[in-house]
């Protein structure tokens, strides 16, 4: 099942339906020094961007690129 990527999509939903996005989260995890998939599994992408001071548009673009 393909889900529509939105700011309110959770990390869990995205990784579950699009495992090819996990490397994107891993790159951010290395930069932040925490595992985003562990620490923010139930958070929305907007919450992740806000909590970790990430650019939401950039995050969405990178995740969309991984899905395509």
PDB file of N, CA and C in Angstrom:
ATOM      1  N   UNK A   1       0.833  -1.177   0.000  1.00  0.00           N
ATOM      2  CA  UNK A   1       0.000   0.000   0.000  1.00  0.00           C
ATOM      3  C   UNK A   1       0.888   1.254   0.000  1.00  0.00           C
ATOM      4  N   UNK A   2       0.611   2.148  -0.871  1.00  0.00           N
ATOM      5  CA  UNK A   2       1.347   3.405  -0.938  1.00  0.00           C
ATOM      6  C   UNK A   2       0.565   4.446  -0.160  1.00  0.00           C
ATOM      7  N   UNK A   3       1.251   5.130   0.759  1.00  0.00           N
ATOM      8  CA  UNK A   3       0.571   6.180   1.510  1.00  0.00           C
ATOM      9  C   UNK A   3       0.997   7.531   0.967  1.00  0.00           C
ATOM     10  N   UNK A   4       0.103   8.490   1.080  1.00  0.00           N
ATOM     11  CA  UNK A   4       0.389   9.850   0.659  1.00  0.00           C
ATOM     12  C   UNK A   4       1.229  10.506   1.744  1.00  0.00           C
ATOM     13  N   UNK A   5       2.395  10.979   1.374  1.00  0.00           N
ATOM     14  CA  UNK A   5       3.303  11.597   2.323  1.00  0.00           C
ATOM     15  C   UNK A   5       2.810  12.996   2.678  1.00  0.00           C
ATOM     16  N   UNK A   6       2.506  13.193   3.968  1.00  0.00           N
ATOM     17  CA  UNK A   6       1.996  14.455   4.486  1.00  0.00           C
ATOM     18  C   UNK A   6       2.737  14.790   5.781  1.00  0.00           C
ATOM     19  N   UNK A   7       2.716  16.042   6.212  1.00  0.00           N
ATOM     20  CA  UNK A   7       3.345  16.393   7.483  1.00  0.00           C
ATOM     21  C   UNK A   7       2.769  15.618   8.676  1.00  0.00           C
ATOM     22  N   UNK A   8       1.507  15.169   8.575  1.00  0.00           N
ATOM     23  CA  UNK A   8       0.909  14.421   9.687  1.00  0.00           C
ATOM     24  C   UNK A   8       1.088  12.908   9.574  1.00  0.00           C
ATOM     25  N   UNK A   9       1.870  12.453   8.594  1.00  0.00           N
ATOM     26  CA  UNK A   9       2.223  11.037   8.483  1.00  0.00           C
ATOM     27  C   UNK A   9       3.201  10.709   9.611  1.00  0.00           C
ATOM     28  N   UNK A  10       2.996   9.581  10.280  1.00  0.00           N
ATOM     29  CA  UNK A  10       3.921   9.210  11.352  1.00  0.00           C
ATOM     30  C   UNK A  10       5.126   8.478  10.775  1.00  0.00           C
ATOM     31  N   UNK A  11       6.194   8.481  11.539  1.00  0.00           N
ATOM     32  CA  UNK A  11       7.401   7.753  11.135  1.00  0.00           C
ATOM     33  C   UNK A  11       7.054   6.277  10.967  1.00  0.00           C
ATOM     34  N   UNK A  12       6.279   5.720  11.892  1.00  0.00           N
ATOM     35  CA  UNK A  12       5.886   4.315  11.818  1.00  0.00           C
ATOM     36  C   UNK A  12       5.146   4.007  10.526  1.00  0.00           C
ATOM     37  N   UNK A  13       4.139   4.812  10.195  1.00  0.00           N
ATOM     38  CA  UNK A  13       3.375   4.586   8.960  1.00  0.00           C
ATOM     39  C   UNK A  13       4.302   4.599   7.748  1.00  0.00           C
ATOM     40  N   UNK A  14       5.192   5.559   7.733  1.00  0.00           N
ATOM     41  CA  UNK A  14       6.064   5.718   6.575  1.00  0.00           C
ATOM     42  C   UNK A  14       7.029   4.548   6.428  1.00  0.00           C
ATOM     43  N   UNK A  15       7.694   4.180   7.503  1.00  0.00           N
ATOM     44  CA  UNK A  15       8.675   3.088   7.435  1.00  0.00           C
ATOM     45  C   UNK A  15       7.985   1.753   7.195  1.00  0.00           C
ATOM     46  N   UNK A  16       6.787   1.588   7.760  1.00  0.00           N
ATOM     47  CA  UNK A  16       6.038   0.343   7.563  1.00  0.00           C
ATOM     48  C   UNK A  16       5.649   0.153   6.098  1.00  0.00           C
ATOM     49  N   UNK A  17       5.156   1.204   5.470  1.00  0.00           N
ATOM     50  CA  UNK A  17       4.672   1.097   4.096  1.00  0.00           C
ATOM     51  C   UNK A  17       5.751   1.403   3.058  1.00  0.00           C
ATOM     52  N   UNK A  18       6.797   2.087   3.464  1.00  0.00           N
ATOM     53  CA  UNK A  18       7.889   2.455   2.554  1.00  0.00           C
ATOM     54  C   UNK A  18       9.230   2.253   3.249  1.00  0.00           C
ATOM     55  N   UNK A  19       9.650   1.004   3.419  1.00  0.00           N
ATOM     56  CA  UNK A  19      10.918   0.745   4.105  1.00  0.00           C
ATOM     57  C   UNK A  19      12.119   1.401   3.424  1.00  0.00           C
ATOM     58  N   UNK A  20      11.955   1.778   2.166  1.00  0.00           N
ATOM     59  CA  UNK A  20      13.043   2.444   1.452  1.00  0.00           C
ATOM     60  C   UNK A  20      13.320   3.843   2.008  1.00  0.00           C
ATOM     61  N   UNK A  21      12.459   4.337   2.902  1.00  0.00           N
ATOM     62  CA  UNK A  21      12.699   5.640   3.534  1.00  0.00           C
ATOM     63  C   UNK A  21      13.589   5.533   4.774  1.00  0.00           C
ATOM     64  N   UNK A  22      13.795   4.342   5.274  1.00  0.00           N
ATOM     65  CA  UNK A  22      14.591   4.174   6.494  1.00  0.00           C
ATOM     66  C   UNK A  22      16.001   4.750   6.370  1.00  0.00           C
ATOM     67  N   UNK A  23      16.699   4.581   5.224  1.00  0.00           N
ATOM     68  CA  UNK A  23      18.023   5.201   5.107  1.00  0.00           C
ATOM     69  C   UNK A  23      18.000   6.726   5.245  1.00  0.00           C
ATOM     70  N   UNK A  24      16.913   7.364   4.847  1.00  0.00           N
ATOM     71  CA  UNK A  24      16.794   8.818   5.026  1.00  0.00           C
ATOM     72  C   UNK A  24      16.789   9.136   6.522  1.00  0.00           C
ATOM     73  N   UNK A  25      15.994   8.411   7.281  1.00  0.00           N
ATOM     74  CA  UNK A  25      15.961   8.613   8.734  1.00  0.00           C
ATOM     75  C   UNK A  25      17.317   8.293   9.353  1.00  0.00           C
ATOM     76  N   UNK A  26      17.983   7.264   8.842  1.00  0.00           N
ATOM     77  CA  UNK A  26      19.301   6.895   9.371  1.00  0.00           C
ATOM     78  C   UNK A  26      20.323   8.007   9.171  1.00  0.00           C
ATOM     79  N   UNK A  27      20.273   8.695   8.033  1.00  0.00           N
ATOM     80  CA  UNK A  27      21.202   9.809   7.799  1.00  0.00           C
ATOM     81  C   UNK A  27      20.964  10.934   8.805  1.00  0.00           C
ATOM     82  N   UNK A  28      19.696  11.244   9.038  1.00  0.00           N
ATOM     83  CA  UNK A  28      19.386  12.264  10.058  1.00  0.00           C
ATOM     84  C   UNK A  28      19.803  11.776  11.446  1.00  0.00           C
ATOM     85  N   UNK A  29      19.602  10.503  11.718  1.00  0.00           N
ATOM     86  CA  UNK A  29      19.962   9.939  13.019  1.00  0.00           C
ATOM     87  C   UNK A  29      21.449  10.092  13.292  1.00  0.00           C
ATOM     88  N   UNK A  30      22.264   9.824  12.289  1.00  0.00           N
ATOM     89  CA  UNK A  30      23.712   9.972  12.454  1.00  0.00           C
ATOM     90  C   UNK A  30      24.076  11.414  12.755  1.00  0.00           C
ATOM     91  N   UNK A  31      23.434  12.334  12.078  1.00  0.00           N
ATOM     92  CA  UNK A  31      23.722  13.753  12.280  1.00  0.00           C
ATOM     93  C   UNK A  31      23.282  14.217  13.669  1.00  0.00           C
ATOM     94  N   UNK A  32      22.146  13.708  14.139  1.00  0.00           N
ATOM     95  CA  UNK A  32      21.598  14.122  15.423  1.00  0.00           C
ATOM     96  C   UNK A  32      22.161  13.343  16.609  1.00  0.00           C
ATOM     97  N   UNK A  33      22.723  12.174  16.333  1.00  0.00           N
ATOM     98  CA  UNK A  33      23.260  11.338  17.399  1.00  0.00           C
ATOM     99  C   UNK A  33      22.210  10.545  18.158  1.00  0.00           C
ATOM    100  N   UNK A  34      21.026  10.380  17.549  1.00  0.00           N
ATOM    101  CA  UNK A  34      19.965   9.565  18.133  1.00  0.00           C
ATOM    102  C   UNK A  34      19.284   8.779  17.018  1.00  0.00           C
ATOM    103  N   UNK A  35      18.631   7.706  17.368  1.00  0.00           N
ATOM    104  CA  UNK A  35      17.883   6.934  16.381  1.00  0.00           C
ATOM    105  C   UNK A  35      16.489   7.536  16.251  1.00  0.00           C
ATOM    106  N   UNK A  36      16.224   8.199  15.131  1.00  0.00           N
ATOM    107  CA  UNK A  36      14.905   8.808  14.932  1.00  0.00           C
ATOM    108  C   UNK A  36      13.801   7.766  14.894  1.00  0.00           C
ATOM    109  N   UNK A  37      14.081   6.616  14.288  1.00  0.00           N
ATOM    110  CA  UNK A  37      13.053   5.571  14.202  1.00  0.00           C
ATOM    111  C   UNK A  37      12.727   5.000  15.582  1.00  0.00           C
ATOM    112  N   UNK A  38      13.651   5.108  16.513  1.00  0.00           N
ATOM    113  CA  UNK A  38      13.403   4.652  17.889  1.00  0.00           C
ATOM    114  C   UNK A  38      12.760   5.755  18.728  1.00  0.00           C
ATOM    115  N   UNK A  39      13.347   6.935  18.684  1.00  0.00           N
ATOM    116  CA  UNK A  39      12.925   8.035  19.553  1.00  0.00           C
ATOM    117  C   UNK A  39      11.625   8.699  19.099  1.00  0.00           C
ATOM    118  N   UNK A  40      11.320   8.600  17.805  1.00  0.00           N
ATOM    119  CA  UNK A  40      10.160   9.331  17.283  1.00  0.00           C
ATOM    120  C   UNK A  40       9.251   8.451  16.437  1.00  0.00           C
ATOM    121  N   UNK A  41       9.195   7.176  16.739  1.00  0.00           N
ATOM    122  CA  UNK A  41       8.446   6.232  15.908  1.00  0.00           C
ATOM    123  C   UNK A  41       6.976   6.617  15.753  1.00  0.00           C
ATOM    124  N   UNK A  42       6.362   7.137  16.808  1.00  0.00           N
ATOM    125  CA  UNK A  42       4.932   7.458  16.761  1.00  0.00           C
ATOM    126  C   UNK A  42       4.678   8.939  16.489  1.00  0.00           C
ATOM    127  N   UNK A  43       5.730   9.696  16.266  1.00  0.00           N
ATOM    128  CA  UNK A  43       5.600  11.132  15.984  1.00  0.00           C
ATOM    129  C   UNK A  43       5.298  11.355  14.504  1.00  0.00           C
ATOM    130  N   UNK A  44       4.637  12.466  14.230  1.00  0.00           N
ATOM    131  CA  UNK A  44       4.410  12.839  12.835  1.00  0.00           C
ATOM    132  C   UNK A  44       5.687  13.469  12.288  1.00  0.00           C
ATOM    133  N   UNK A  45       5.770  13.553  10.981  1.00  0.00           N
ATOM    134  CA  UNK A  45       6.939  14.173  10.368  1.00  0.00           C
ATOM    135  C   UNK A  45       7.057  15.640  10.787  1.00  0.00           C
ATOM    136  N   UNK A  46       5.940  16.326  10.922  1.00  0.00           N
ATOM    137  CA  UNK A  46       5.956  17.720  11.381  1.00  0.00           C
ATOM    138  C   UNK A  46       6.494  17.802  12.809  1.00  0.00           C
ATOM    139  N   UNK A  47       6.095  16.873  13.662  1.00  0.00           N
ATOM    140  CA  UNK A  47       6.597  16.853  15.040  1.00  0.00           C
ATOM    141  C   UNK A  47       8.090  16.559  15.078  1.00  0.00           C
ATOM    142  N   UNK A  48       8.542  15.632  14.253  1.00  0.00           N
ATOM    143  CA  UNK A  48       9.968  15.300  14.186  1.00  0.00           C
ATOM    144  C   UNK A  48      10.767  16.524  13.762  1.00  0.00           C
ATOM    145  N   UNK A  49      10.297  17.200  12.729  1.00  0.00           N
ATOM    146  CA  UNK A  49      11.005  18.388  12.241  1.00  0.00           C
ATOM    147  C   UNK A  49      11.071  19.453  13.324  1.00  0.00           C
ATOM    148  N   UNK A  50       9.969  19.670  14.009  1.00  0.00           N
ATOM    149  CA  UNK A  50       9.936  20.679  15.063  1.00  0.00           C
ATOM    150  C   UNK A  50      10.820  20.286  16.241  1.00  0.00           C
ATOM    151  N   UNK A  51      10.682  19.059  16.701  1.00  0.00           N
ATOM    152  CA  UNK A  51      11.412  18.577  17.887  1.00  0.00           C
ATOM    153  C   UNK A  51      12.921  18.607  17.683  1.00  0.00           C
ATOM    154  N   UNK A  52      13.370  18.260  16.477  1.00  0.00           N
ATOM    155  CA  UNK A  52      14.812  18.149  16.218  1.00  0.00           C
ATOM    156  C   UNK A  52      15.344  19.285  15.352  1.00  0.00           C
ATOM    157  N   UNK A  53      14.533  20.340  15.199  1.00  0.00           N
ATOM    158  CA  UNK A  53      14.925  21.542  14.460  1.00  0.00           C
ATOM    159  C   UNK A  53      15.399  21.221  13.043  1.00  0.00           C
ATOM    160  N   UNK A  54      14.588  20.424  12.346  1.00  0.00           N
ATOM    161  CA  UNK A  54      14.863  20.054  10.964  1.00  0.00           C
ATOM    162  C   UNK A  54      13.965  20.870  10.042  1.00  0.00           C
ATOM    163  N   UNK A  55      14.408  21.081   8.836  1.00  0.00           N
ATOM    164  CA  UNK A  55      13.600  21.762   7.830  1.00  0.00           C
ATOM    165  C   UNK A  55      12.570  20.760   7.303  1.00  0.00           C
ATOM    166  N   UNK A  56      11.295  21.005   7.575  1.00  0.00           N
ATOM    167  CA  UNK A  56      10.240  20.063   7.193  1.00  0.00           C
ATOM    168  C   UNK A  56      10.173  19.866   5.689  1.00  0.00           C
ATOM    169  N   UNK A  57      10.273  20.938   4.919  1.00  0.00           N
ATOM    170  CA  UNK A  57      10.211  20.812   3.458  1.00  0.00           C
ATOM    171  C   UNK A  57      11.354  19.957   2.928  1.00  0.00           C
ATOM    172  N   UNK A  58      12.537  20.138   3.490  1.00  0.00           N
ATOM    173  CA  UNK A  58      13.695  19.333   3.075  1.00  0.00           C
ATOM    174  C   UNK A  58      13.496  17.871   3.443  1.00  0.00           C
ATOM    175  N   UNK A  59      13.005  17.618   4.650  1.00  0.00           N
ATOM    176  CA  UNK A  59      12.740  16.245   5.093  1.00  0.00           C
ATOM    177  C   UNK A  59      11.729  15.573   4.169  1.00  0.00           C
ATOM    178  N   UNK A  60      10.631  16.256   3.881  1.00  0.00           N
ATOM    179  CA  UNK A  60       9.614  15.695   2.997  1.00  0.00           C
ATOM    180  C   UNK A  60      10.166  15.436   1.602  1.00  0.00           C
ATOM    181  N   UNK A  61      10.980  16.343   1.088  1.00  0.00           N
ATOM    182  CA  UNK A  61      11.568  16.167  -0.243  1.00  0.00           C
ATOM    183  C   UNK A  61      12.479  14.947  -0.277  1.00  0.00           C
ATOM    184  N   UNK A  62      13.298  14.774   0.749  1.00  0.00           N
ATOM    185  CA  UNK A  62      14.199  13.623   0.797  1.00  0.00           C
ATOM    186  C   UNK A  62      13.425  12.307   0.919  1.00  0.00           C
ATOM    187  N   UNK A  63      12.389  12.315   1.720  1.00  0.00           N
ATOM    188  CA  UNK A  63      11.571  11.109   1.857  1.00  0.00           C
ATOM    189  C   UNK A  63      10.824  10.799   0.574  1.00  0.00           C
ATOM    190  N   UNK A  64      10.290  11.816  -0.084  1.00  0.00           N
ATOM    191  CA  UNK A  64       9.625  11.621  -1.376  1.00  0.00           C
ATOM    192  C   UNK A  64      10.589  11.065  -2.415  1.00  0.00           C
ATOM    193  N   UNK A  65      11.805  11.544  -2.420  1.00  0.00           N
ATOM    194  CA  UNK A  65      12.811  11.036  -3.371  1.00  0.00           C
ATOM    195  C   UNK A  65      13.090   9.555  -3.136  1.00  0.00           C
ATOM    196  N   UNK A  66      13.111   9.154  -1.885  1.00  0.00           N
ATOM    197  CA  UNK A  66      13.357   7.750  -1.563  1.00  0.00           C
ATOM    198  C   UNK A  66      12.205   6.858  -2.024  1.00  0.00           C
ATOM    199  N   UNK A  67      10.995   7.388  -1.980  1.00  0.00           N
ATOM    200  CA  UNK A  67       9.813   6.618  -2.379  1.00  0.00           C
ATOM    201  C   UNK A  67       9.712   6.469  -3.898  1.00  0.00           C
ATOM    202  N   UNK A  68      10.105   7.490  -4.618  1.00  0.00           N
ATOM    203  CA  UNK A  68       9.945   7.481  -6.074  1.00  0.00           C
ATOM    204  C   UNK A  68      10.869   6.519  -6.750  1.00  0.00           C
TER     205      UNK A  68
END
